[in-house]
PDB file of N, CA and C in Angstrom:
ATOM      1  N   ASN A   1     149.161 -23.992 -78.044  1.00  0.00           N
ATOM      2  CA  ASN A   1     149.675 -25.580 -77.858  1.00  0.00           C
ATOM      3  C   ASN A   1     149.636 -26.203 -79.490  1.00  0.00           C
ATOM      4  N   GLY A   2     149.168 -25.219 -80.069  1.00  0.00           N
ATOM      5  CA  GLY A   2     149.324 -26.141 -81.778  1.00  0.00           C
ATOM      6  C   GLY A   2     148.022 -26.720 -81.933  1.00  0.00           C
ATOM      7  N   ALA A   3     147.036 -26.897 -81.061  1.00  0.00           N
ATOM      8  CA  ALA A   3     145.579 -27.547 -81.312  1.00  0.00           C
ATOM      9  C   ALA A   3     144.586 -26.448 -81.968  1.00  0.00           C
ATOM     10  N   VAL A   4     143.911 -27.509 -82.728  1.00  0.00           N
ATOM     11  CA  VAL A   4     142.941 -26.588 -83.560  1.00  0.00           C
ATOM     12  C   VAL A   4     141.579 -26.349 -82.916  1.00  0.00           C
ATOM     13  N   VAL A   5     141.570 -24.862 -82.827  1.00  0.00           N
ATOM     14  CA  VAL A   5     140.043 -24.649 -81.831  1.00  0.00           C
ATOM     15  C   VAL A   5     139.161 -23.688 -82.747  1.00  0.00           C
ATOM     16  N   PRO A   6     138.239 -23.235 -82.318  1.00  0.00           N
ATOM     17  CA  PRO A   6     137.366 -22.359 -82.873  1.00  0.00           C
ATOM     18  C   PRO A   6     138.029 -20.806 -82.834  1.00  0.00           C
ATOM     19  N   TYR A   7     137.624 -20.200 -83.652  1.00  0.00           N
ATOM     20  CA  TYR A   7     138.507 -18.637 -83.751  1.00  0.00           C
ATOM     21  C   TYR A   7     137.996 -18.206 -82.407  1.00  0.00           C
ATOM     22  N   SER A   8     136.629 -18.169 -81.665  1.00  0.00           N
ATOM     23  CA  SER A   8     136.206 -17.592 -80.612  1.00  0.00           C
ATOM     24  C   SER A   8     137.160 -18.304 -79.415  1.00  0.00           C
ATOM     25  N   HIS A   9     137.885 -19.142 -79.653  1.00  0.00           N
ATOM     26  CA  HIS A   9     138.723 -19.824 -78.597  1.00  0.00           C
ATOM     27  C   HIS A   9     140.236 -19.616 -78.892  1.00  0.00           C
ATOM     28  N   SER A  10     140.658 -19.127 -79.721  1.00  0.00           N
ATOM     29  CA  SER A  10     141.959 -18.882 -80.270  1.00  0.00           C
ATOM     30  C   SER A  10     142.789 -17.845 -79.839  1.00  0.00           C
ATOM     31  N   GLN A  11     144.318 -17.852 -79.697  1.00  0.00           N
ATOM     32  CA  GLN A  11     144.948 -17.125 -79.307  1.00  0.00           C
ATOM     33  C   GLN A  11     144.736 -15.620 -80.582  1.00  0.00           C
ATOM     34  N   SER A  12     144.534 -15.802 -81.677  1.00  0.00           N
ATOM     35  CA  SER A  12     144.210 -14.906 -82.494  1.00  0.00           C
ATOM     36  C   SER A  12     143.302 -13.841 -82.459  1.00  0.00           C
ATOM     37  N   MET A  13     142.261 -14.573 -81.882  1.00  0.00           N
ATOM     38  CA  MET A  13     141.241 -13.631 -81.384  1.00  0.00           C
ATOM     39  C   MET A  13     141.177 -12.979 -79.849  1.00  0.00           C
ATOM     40  N   VAL A  14     142.453 -13.393 -79.202  1.00  0.00           N
ATOM     41  CA  VAL A  14     142.591 -12.785 -78.097  1.00  0.00           C
ATOM     42  C   VAL A  14     143.162 -11.652 -78.330  1.00  0.00           C
ATOM     43  N   LYS A  15     144.516 -11.751 -79.192  1.00  0.00           N
ATOM     44  CA  LYS A  15     145.418 -10.600 -79.861  1.00  0.00           C
ATOM     45  C   LYS A  15     144.468  -9.536 -80.477  1.00  0.00           C
ATOM     46  N   GLU A  16     143.667  -9.735 -81.238  1.00  0.00           N
ATOM     47  CA  GLU A  16     142.971  -8.838 -81.829  1.00  0.00           C
ATOM     48  C   GLU A  16     142.160  -8.153 -80.965  1.00  0.00           C
ATOM     49  N   ARG A  17     141.415  -8.683 -79.919  1.00  0.00           N
ATOM     50  CA  ARG A  17     141.128  -8.192 -79.168  1.00  0.00           C
ATOM     51  C   ARG A  17     141.768  -6.981 -78.069  1.00  0.00           C
ATOM     52  N   CYS A  18     142.818  -7.368 -77.633  1.00  0.00           N
ATOM     53  CA  CYS A  18     144.229  -6.684 -76.944  1.00  0.00           C
ATOM     54  C   CYS A  18     144.240  -5.468 -77.889  1.00  0.00           C
ATOM     55  N   ALA A  19     144.260  -5.897 -79.204  1.00  0.00           N
ATOM     56  CA  ALA A  19     144.865  -4.791 -79.991  1.00  0.00           C
ATOM     57  C   ALA A  19     143.694  -3.304 -80.169  1.00  0.00           C
ATOM     58  N   GLU A  20     142.518  -4.207 -80.450  1.00  0.00           N
ATOM     59  CA  GLU A  20     141.338  -3.156 -80.169  1.00  0.00           C
ATOM     60  C   GLU A  20     141.304  -2.258 -79.164  1.00  0.00           C
ATOM     61  N   ARG A  21     141.602  -3.016 -77.899  1.00  0.00           N
ATOM     62  CA  ARG A  21     141.675  -2.068 -76.704  1.00  0.00           C
ATOM     63  C   ARG A  21     142.763  -1.523 -76.390  1.00  0.00           C
ATOM     64  N   ARG A  22     144.088  -1.704 -77.072  1.00  0.00           N
ATOM     65  CA  ARG A  22     145.515  -1.263 -77.075  1.00  0.00           C
ATOM     66  C   ARG A  22     146.003  -1.780 -75.481  1.00  0.00           C
ATOM     67  N   ARG A  23     145.549  -2.871 -75.234  1.00  0.00           N
ATOM     68  CA  ARG A  23     145.981  -3.243 -74.285  1.00  0.00           C
ATOM     69  C   ARG A  23     147.243  -4.627 -74.524  1.00  0.00           C
ATOM     70  N   PRO A  24     148.286  -4.945 -73.721  1.00  0.00           N
ATOM     71  CA  PRO A  24     149.279  -5.918 -73.993  1.00  0.00           C
ATOM     72  C   PRO A  24     148.709  -7.093 -73.732  1.00  0.00           C
ATOM     73  N   CYS A  25     149.227  -7.994 -74.513  1.00  0.00           N
ATOM     74  CA  CYS A  25     148.535  -9.994 -74.229  1.00  0.00           C
ATOM     75  C   CYS A  25     149.970 -10.148 -73.681  1.00  0.00           C
ATOM     76  N   THR A  26     149.891 -10.079 -72.263  1.00  0.00           N
ATOM     77  CA  THR A  26     151.322 -10.443 -71.703  1.00  0.00           C
ATOM     78  C   THR A  26     150.785 -11.637 -70.789  1.00  0.00           C
ATOM     79  N   SER A  27     152.040 -12.421 -70.346  1.00  0.00           N
ATOM     80  CA  SER A  27     151.605 -13.385 -69.452  1.00  0.00           C
ATOM     81  C   SER A  27     152.399 -12.984 -68.165  1.00  0.00           C
ATOM     82  N   GLY A  28     151.506 -11.784 -67.540  1.00  0.00           N
ATOM     83  CA  GLY A  28     152.056 -11.541 -66.008  1.00  0.00           C
ATOM     84  C   GLY A  28     153.450 -10.650 -66.139  1.00  0.00           C
ATOM     85  N   ARG A  29     153.814 -10.449 -67.476  1.00  0.00           N
ATOM     86  CA  ARG A  29     155.509  -9.597 -67.182  1.00  0.00           C
ATOM     87  C   ARG A  29     155.130  -7.989 -66.673  1.00  0.00           C
ATOM     88  N   LYS A  30     155.702  -7.854 -65.945  1.00  0.00           N
ATOM     89  CA  LYS A  30     155.892  -6.393 -65.529  1.00  0.00           C
ATOM     90  C   LYS A  30     156.476  -5.268 -65.932  1.00  0.00           C
ATOM     91  N   SER A  31     157.088  -5.776 -66.974  1.00  0.00           N
ATOM     92  CA  SER A  31     157.849  -4.479 -67.845  1.00  0.00           C
ATOM     93  C   SER A  31     157.321  -3.318 -67.953  1.00  0.00           C
ATOM     94  N   LYS A  32     158.275  -2.364 -68.357  1.00  0.00           N
ATOM     95  CA  LYS A  32     157.741  -1.231 -69.195  1.00  0.00           C
ATOM     96  C   LYS A  32     157.439  -1.315 -70.537  1.00  0.00           C
ATOM     97  N   ILE A  33     156.056  -1.087 -70.888  1.00  0.00           N
ATOM     98  CA  ILE A  33     155.491  -1.184 -72.377  1.00  0.00           C
ATOM     99  C   ILE A  33     155.923  -0.005 -73.200  1.00  0.00           C
ATOM    100  N   ALA A  34     156.859  -0.315 -74.641  1.00  0.00           N
ATOM    101  CA  ALA A  34     157.189   0.838 -75.262  1.00  0.00           C
ATOM    102  C   ALA A  34     155.968   1.506 -75.917  1.00  0.00           C
ATOM    103  N   THR A  35     156.338   2.651 -76.387  1.00  0.00           N
ATOM    104  CA  THR A  35     155.372   3.670 -76.619  1.00  0.00           C
ATOM    105  C   THR A  35     156.026   4.121 -77.954  1.00  0.00           C
ATOM    106  N   TRP A  36     155.257   4.468 -78.787  1.00  0.00           N
ATOM    107  CA  TRP A  36     155.480   4.874 -80.285  1.00  0.00           C
ATOM    108  C   TRP A  36     156.770   5.463 -80.415  1.00  0.00           C
ATOM    109  N   ASP A  37     156.953   6.702 -79.524  1.00  0.00           N
ATOM    110  CA  ASP A  37     158.496   7.517 -79.173  1.00  0.00           C
ATOM    111  C   ASP A  37     159.295   6.307 -79.031  1.00  0.00           C
ATOM    112  N   MET A  38     159.015   5.763 -78.149  1.00  0.00           N
ATOM    113  CA  MET A  38     160.197   4.809 -77.742  1.00  0.00           C
ATOM    114  C   MET A  38     160.310   3.945 -78.820  1.00  0.00           C
ATOM    115  N   VAL A  39     159.576   3.066 -79.451  1.00  0.00           N
ATOM    116  CA  VAL A  39     159.568   2.155 -80.558  1.00  0.00           C
ATOM    117  C   VAL A  39     160.641   2.982 -81.729  1.00  0.00           C
ATOM    118  N   ARG A  40     160.024   4.073 -82.164  1.00  0.00           N
ATOM    119  CA  ARG A  40     160.844   4.929 -83.316  1.00  0.00           C
ATOM    120  C   ARG A  40     162.317   5.086 -82.622  1.00  0.00           C
ATOM    121  N   THR A  41     162.358   5.498 -81.360  1.00  0.00           N
ATOM    122  CA  THR A  41     164.004   6.150 -81.027  1.00  0.00           C
ATOM    123  C   THR A  41     164.697   4.644 -80.728  1.00  0.00           C
ATOM    124  N   CYS A  42     164.291   3.247 -80.324  1.00  0.00           N
ATOM    125  CA  CYS A  42     165.061   2.117 -80.311  1.00  0.00           C
ATOM    126  C   CYS A  42     165.240   1.209 -81.515  1.00  0.00           C
ATOM    127  N   LEU A  43     164.420   1.572 -82.717  1.00  0.00           N
ATOM    128  CA  LEU A  43     164.508   1.038 -83.866  1.00  0.00           C
ATOM    129  C   LEU A  43     165.667   1.792 -84.563  1.00  0.00           C
ATOM    130  N   ARG A  44     165.738   3.184 -84.420  1.00  0.00           N
ATOM    131  CA  ARG A  44     166.706   3.926 -85.120  1.00  0.00           C
ATOM    132  C   ARG A  44     167.950   3.709 -84.705  1.00  0.00           C
ATOM    133  N   GLU A  45     167.842   3.265 -83.429  1.00  0.00           N
ATOM    134  CA  GLU A  45     169.537   3.137 -82.858  1.00  0.00           C
ATOM    135  C   GLU A  45     169.490   1.692 -83.112  1.00  0.00           C
ATOM    136  N   LEU A  46     168.897   0.660 -83.306  1.00  0.00           N
ATOM    137  CA  LEU A  46     168.925  -0.708 -83.709  1.00  0.00           C
ATOM    138  C   LEU A  46     169.696  -0.438 -85.178  1.00  0.00           C
ATOM    139  N   ILE A  47     168.802   0.047 -85.802  1.00  0.00           N
ATOM    140  CA  ILE A  47     169.601   0.061 -87.340  1.00  0.00           C
ATOM    141  C   ILE A  47     170.580   1.008 -87.639  1.00  0.00           C
ATOM    142  N   ASN A  48     170.886   2.247 -86.425  1.00  0.00           N
ATOM    143  CA  ASN A  48     172.143   2.907 -86.766  1.00  0.00           C
ATOM    144  C   ASN A  48     173.570   1.986 -86.227  1.00  0.00           C
ATOM    145  N   GLY A  49     173.132   1.121 -85.267  1.00  0.00           N
ATOM    146  CA  GLY A  49     174.228   0.522 -84.659  1.00  0.00           C
ATOM    147  C   GLY A  49     174.804  -0.978 -85.280  1.00  0.00           C
ATOM    148  N   MET A  50     173.733  -1.094 -86.542  1.00  0.00           N
ATOM    149  CA  MET A  50     174.242  -2.119 -87.422  1.00  0.00           C
ATOM    150  C   MET A  50     175.603  -2.367 -87.769  1.00  0.00           C
ATOM    151  N   ALA A  51     175.853  -3.460 -88.236  1.00  0.00           N
ATOM    152  CA  ALA A  51     177.437  -3.331 -88.464  1.00  0.00           C
ATOM    153  C   ALA A  51     177.254  -3.391 -90.231  1.00  0.00           C
ATOM    154  N   PRO A  52     178.378  -2.675 -90.645  1.00  0.00           N
ATOM    155  CA  PRO A  52     178.524  -2.407 -92.037  1.00  0.00           C
ATOM    156  C   PRO A  52     178.123  -3.698 -93.076  1.00  0.00           C
ATOM    157  N   ASP A  53     178.368  -4.848 -92.689  1.00  0.00           N
ATOM    158  CA  ASP A  53     178.176  -6.310 -93.440  1.00  0.00           C
ATOM    159  C   ASP A  53     176.303  -6.536 -92.995  1.00  0.00           C
ATOM    160  N   GLU A  54     176.037  -5.848 -92.168  1.00  0.00           N
ATOM    161  CA  GLU A  54     174.645  -6.521 -91.850  1.00  0.00           C
ATOM    162  C   GLU A  54     173.275  -5.690 -92.706  1.00  0.00           C
ATOM    163  N   GLU A  55     172.291  -6.285 -93.027  1.00  0.00           N
ATOM    164  CA  GLU A  55     171.248  -6.110 -94.154  1.00  0.00           C
ATOM    165  C   GLU A  55     170.119  -5.923 -93.572  1.00  0.00           C
ATOM    166  N   LEU A  56     169.910  -6.471 -92.435  1.00  0.00           N
ATOM    167  CA  LEU A  56     168.289  -6.809 -91.585  1.00  0.00           C
ATOM    168  C   LEU A  56     168.493  -7.144 -90.430  1.00  0.00           C
ATOM    169  N   ILE A  57     167.708  -7.265 -89.954  1.00  0.00           N
ATOM    170  CA  ILE A  57     167.383  -7.494 -88.413  1.00  0.00           C
ATOM    171  C   ILE A  57     165.990  -8.256 -88.441  1.00  0.00           C
ATOM    172  N   PRO A  58     166.403  -9.809 -88.412  1.00  0.00           N
ATOM    173  CA  PRO A  58     165.378 -10.536 -88.308  1.00  0.00           C
ATOM    174  C   PRO A  58     164.083 -10.322 -87.248  1.00  0.00           C
ATOM    175  N   LEU A  59     162.843 -10.328 -87.842  1.00  0.00           N
ATOM    176  CA  LEU A  59     161.840 -10.130 -87.219  1.00  0.00           C
ATOM    177  C   LEU A  59     161.704 -11.026 -85.730  1.00  0.00           C
ATOM    178  N   SER A  60     162.046 -12.305 -85.848  1.00  0.00           N
ATOM    179  CA  SER A  60     161.814 -12.825 -84.827  1.00  0.00           C
ATOM    180  C   SER A  60     162.732 -12.465 -83.692  1.00  0.00           C
ATOM    181  N   ASN A  61     163.847 -11.602 -83.806  1.00  0.00           N
ATOM    182  CA  ASN A  61     164.729 -11.553 -82.808  1.00  0.00           C
ATOM    183  C   ASN A  61     164.126  -9.587 -82.236  1.00  0.00           C
ATOM    184  N   ILE A  62     163.294  -9.166 -82.867  1.00  0.00           N
ATOM    185  CA  ILE A  62     162.937  -7.755 -82.282  1.00  0.00           C
ATOM    186  C   ILE A  62     162.613  -7.407 -81.008  1.00  0.00           C
ATOM    187  N   LYS A  63     161.487  -8.376 -80.557  1.00  0.00           N
ATOM    188  CA  LYS A  63     161.072  -8.302 -79.183  1.00  0.00           C
ATOM    189  C   LYS A  63     161.875  -8.721 -78.344  1.00  0.00           C
ATOM    190  N   ARG A  64     162.776  -9.674 -78.613  1.00  0.00           N
ATOM    191  CA  ARG A  64     163.933 -10.069 -77.403  1.00  0.00           C
ATOM    192  C   ARG A  64     164.939  -8.926 -77.407  1.00  0.00           C
ATOM    193  N   THR A  65     165.218  -8.627 -78.774  1.00  0.00           N
ATOM    194  CA  THR A  65     166.308  -7.587 -78.708  1.00  0.00           C
ATOM    195  C   THR A  65     165.781  -6.100 -77.667  1.00  0.00           C
ATOM    196  N   PHE A  66     164.482  -5.700 -77.881  1.00  0.00           N
ATOM    197  CA  PHE A  66     164.146  -4.673 -77.377  1.00  0.00           C
ATOM    198  C   PHE A  66     164.096  -5.026 -75.607  1.00  0.00           C
ATOM    199  N   ARG A  67     163.597  -6.095 -75.248  1.00  0.00           N
ATOM    200  CA  ARG A  67     163.514  -6.635 -73.812  1.00  0.00           C
ATOM    201  C   ARG A  67     165.382  -7.185 -73.343  1.00  0.00           C
ATOM    202  N   SER A  68     166.241  -7.108 -74.130  1.00  0.00           N
ATOM    203  CA  SER A  68     167.562  -7.433 -73.645  1.00  0.00           C
ATOM    204  C   SER A  68     168.474  -6.064 -73.505  1.00  0.00           C
ATOM    205  N   GLN A  69     168.186  -5.161 -74.609  1.00  0.00           N
ATOM    206  CA  GLN A  69     169.017  -3.811 -74.968  1.00  0.00           C
ATOM    207  C   GLN A  69     168.530  -2.917 -74.435  1.00  0.00           C
ATOM    208  N   PHE A  70     167.109  -2.656 -74.431  1.00  0.00           N
ATOM    209  CA  PHE A  70     166.474  -1.183 -74.133  1.00  0.00           C
ATOM    210  C   PHE A  70     165.529  -1.754 -72.556  1.00  0.00           C
ATOM    211  N   HIS A  71     165.483  -3.132 -71.927  1.00  0.00           N
ATOM    212  CA  HIS A  71     164.673  -3.088 -71.285  1.00  0.00           C
ATOM    213  C   HIS A  71     163.589  -2.722 -71.394  1.00  0.00           C
ATOM    214  N   ILE A  72     162.726  -2.789 -72.180  1.00  0.00           N
ATOM    215  CA  ILE A  72     161.341  -2.339 -72.447  1.00  0.00           C
ATOM    216  C   ILE A  72     160.756  -3.767 -73.239  1.00  0.00           C
ATOM    217  N   GLU A  73     159.372  -3.809 -72.913  1.00  0.00           N
ATOM    218  CA  GLU A  73     158.730  -4.701 -73.781  1.00  0.00           C
ATOM    219  C   GLU A  73     157.781  -4.421 -75.035  1.00  0.00           C
ATOM    220  N   LEU A  74     158.146  -4.819 -75.993  1.00  0.00           N
ATOM    221  CA  LEU A  74     157.587  -4.556 -77.438  1.00  0.00           C
ATOM    222  C   LEU A  74     156.175  -5.188 -77.412  1.00  0.00           C
ATOM    223  N   SER A  75     155.256  -4.547 -77.270  1.00  0.00           N
ATOM    224  CA  SER A  75     153.615  -5.221 -77.311  1.00  0.00           C
ATOM    225  C   SER A  75     152.966  -4.757 -78.321  1.00  0.00           C
ATOM    226  N   GLU A  76     152.777  -5.476 -79.549  1.00  0.00           N
ATOM    227  CA  GLU A  76     152.198  -4.789 -80.701  1.00  0.00           C
ATOM    228  C   GLU A  76     150.868  -4.548 -80.320  1.00  0.00           C
ATOM    229  N   THR A  77     149.875  -5.425 -79.452  1.00  0.00           N
ATOM    230  CA  THR A  77     148.780  -5.294 -79.011  1.00  0.00           C
ATOM    231  C   THR A  77     148.603  -4.075 -78.134  1.00  0.00           C
ATOM    232  N   ALA A  78     149.550  -3.551 -77.296  1.00  0.00           N
ATOM    233  CA  ALA A  78     149.253  -2.055 -76.744  1.00  0.00           C
ATOM    234  C   ALA A  78     149.423  -0.982 -77.789  1.00  0.00           C
ATOM    235  N   LEU A  79     149.993  -1.172 -79.001  1.00  0.00           N
ATOM    236  CA  LEU A  79     149.968  -0.551 -79.994  1.00  0.00           C
ATOM    237  C   LEU A  79     148.885  -0.216 -81.013  1.00  0.00           C
ATOM    238  N   GLY A  80     148.143  -0.948 -80.879  1.00  0.00           N
ATOM    239  CA  GLY A  80     146.988  -1.548 -81.874  1.00  0.00           C
ATOM    240  C   GLY A  80     147.171  -2.389 -82.957  1.00  0.00           C
ATOM    241  N   TYR A  81     148.371  -2.997 -82.771  1.00  0.00           N
ATOM    242  CA  TYR A  81     148.222  -4.760 -83.961  1.00  0.00           C
ATOM    243  C   TYR A  81     148.194  -5.578 -83.350  1.00  0.00           C
ATOM    244  N   ALA A  82     147.817  -6.741 -83.946  1.00  0.00           N
ATOM    245  CA  ALA A  82     147.558  -7.799 -83.612  1.00  0.00           C
ATOM    246  C   ALA A  82     148.873  -8.910 -83.561  1.00  0.00           C
ATOM    247  N   LYS A  83     149.622  -8.195 -84.846  1.00  0.00           N
ATOM    248  CA  LYS A  83     150.502  -9.111 -85.180  1.00  0.00           C
ATOM    249  C   LYS A  83     151.926  -8.067 -85.420  1.00  0.00           C
ATOM    250  N   LEU A  84     153.381  -8.473 -85.081  1.00  0.00           N
ATOM    251  CA  LEU A  84     154.305  -7.508 -84.781  1.00  0.00           C
ATOM    252  C   LEU A  84     154.457  -6.948 -86.466  1.00  0.00           C
ATOM    253  N   SER A  85     154.457  -8.184 -87.475  1.00  0.00           N
ATOM    254  CA  SER A  85     154.642  -7.840 -88.852  1.00  0.00           C
ATOM    255  C   SER A  85     153.714  -6.479 -89.285  1.00  0.00           C
ATOM    256  N   GLU A  86     152.490  -6.659 -88.865  1.00  0.00           N
ATOM    257  CA  GLU A  86     151.825  -5.382 -89.181  1.00  0.00           C
ATOM    258  C   GLU A  86     152.224  -3.848 -88.413  1.00  0.00           C
ATOM    259  N   LEU A  87     152.622  -4.025 -87.399  1.00  0.00           N
ATOM    260  CA  LEU A  87     153.139  -2.905 -86.812  1.00  0.00           C
ATOM    261  C   LEU A  87     154.780  -2.360 -87.340  1.00  0.00           C
ATOM    262  N   LEU A  88     155.401  -3.315 -87.892  1.00  0.00           N
ATOM    263  CA  LEU A  88     156.459  -2.541 -88.439  1.00  0.00           C
ATOM    264  C   LEU A  88     156.229  -2.743 -89.620  1.00  0.00           C
TER     265      LEU A  88
END
């Protein structure tokens, strides 16, 4: 909610703990969680499918694209990272 809280009560700490345990930090979603092999395959497909005038895929769209196009959940914490930018 944007409030300032001690680190021990923060979302950052929760994500770090989930990443350490390689568990998704989901809010009740029952979607299939992407494995490393799936991530590589899907990213390759996204890059190969880019229009010639496209130079990048916004980081903010990656998770949504995985859900809508591939019907899988990209969970950085399930792959051992607290931040999506660290995963990619």
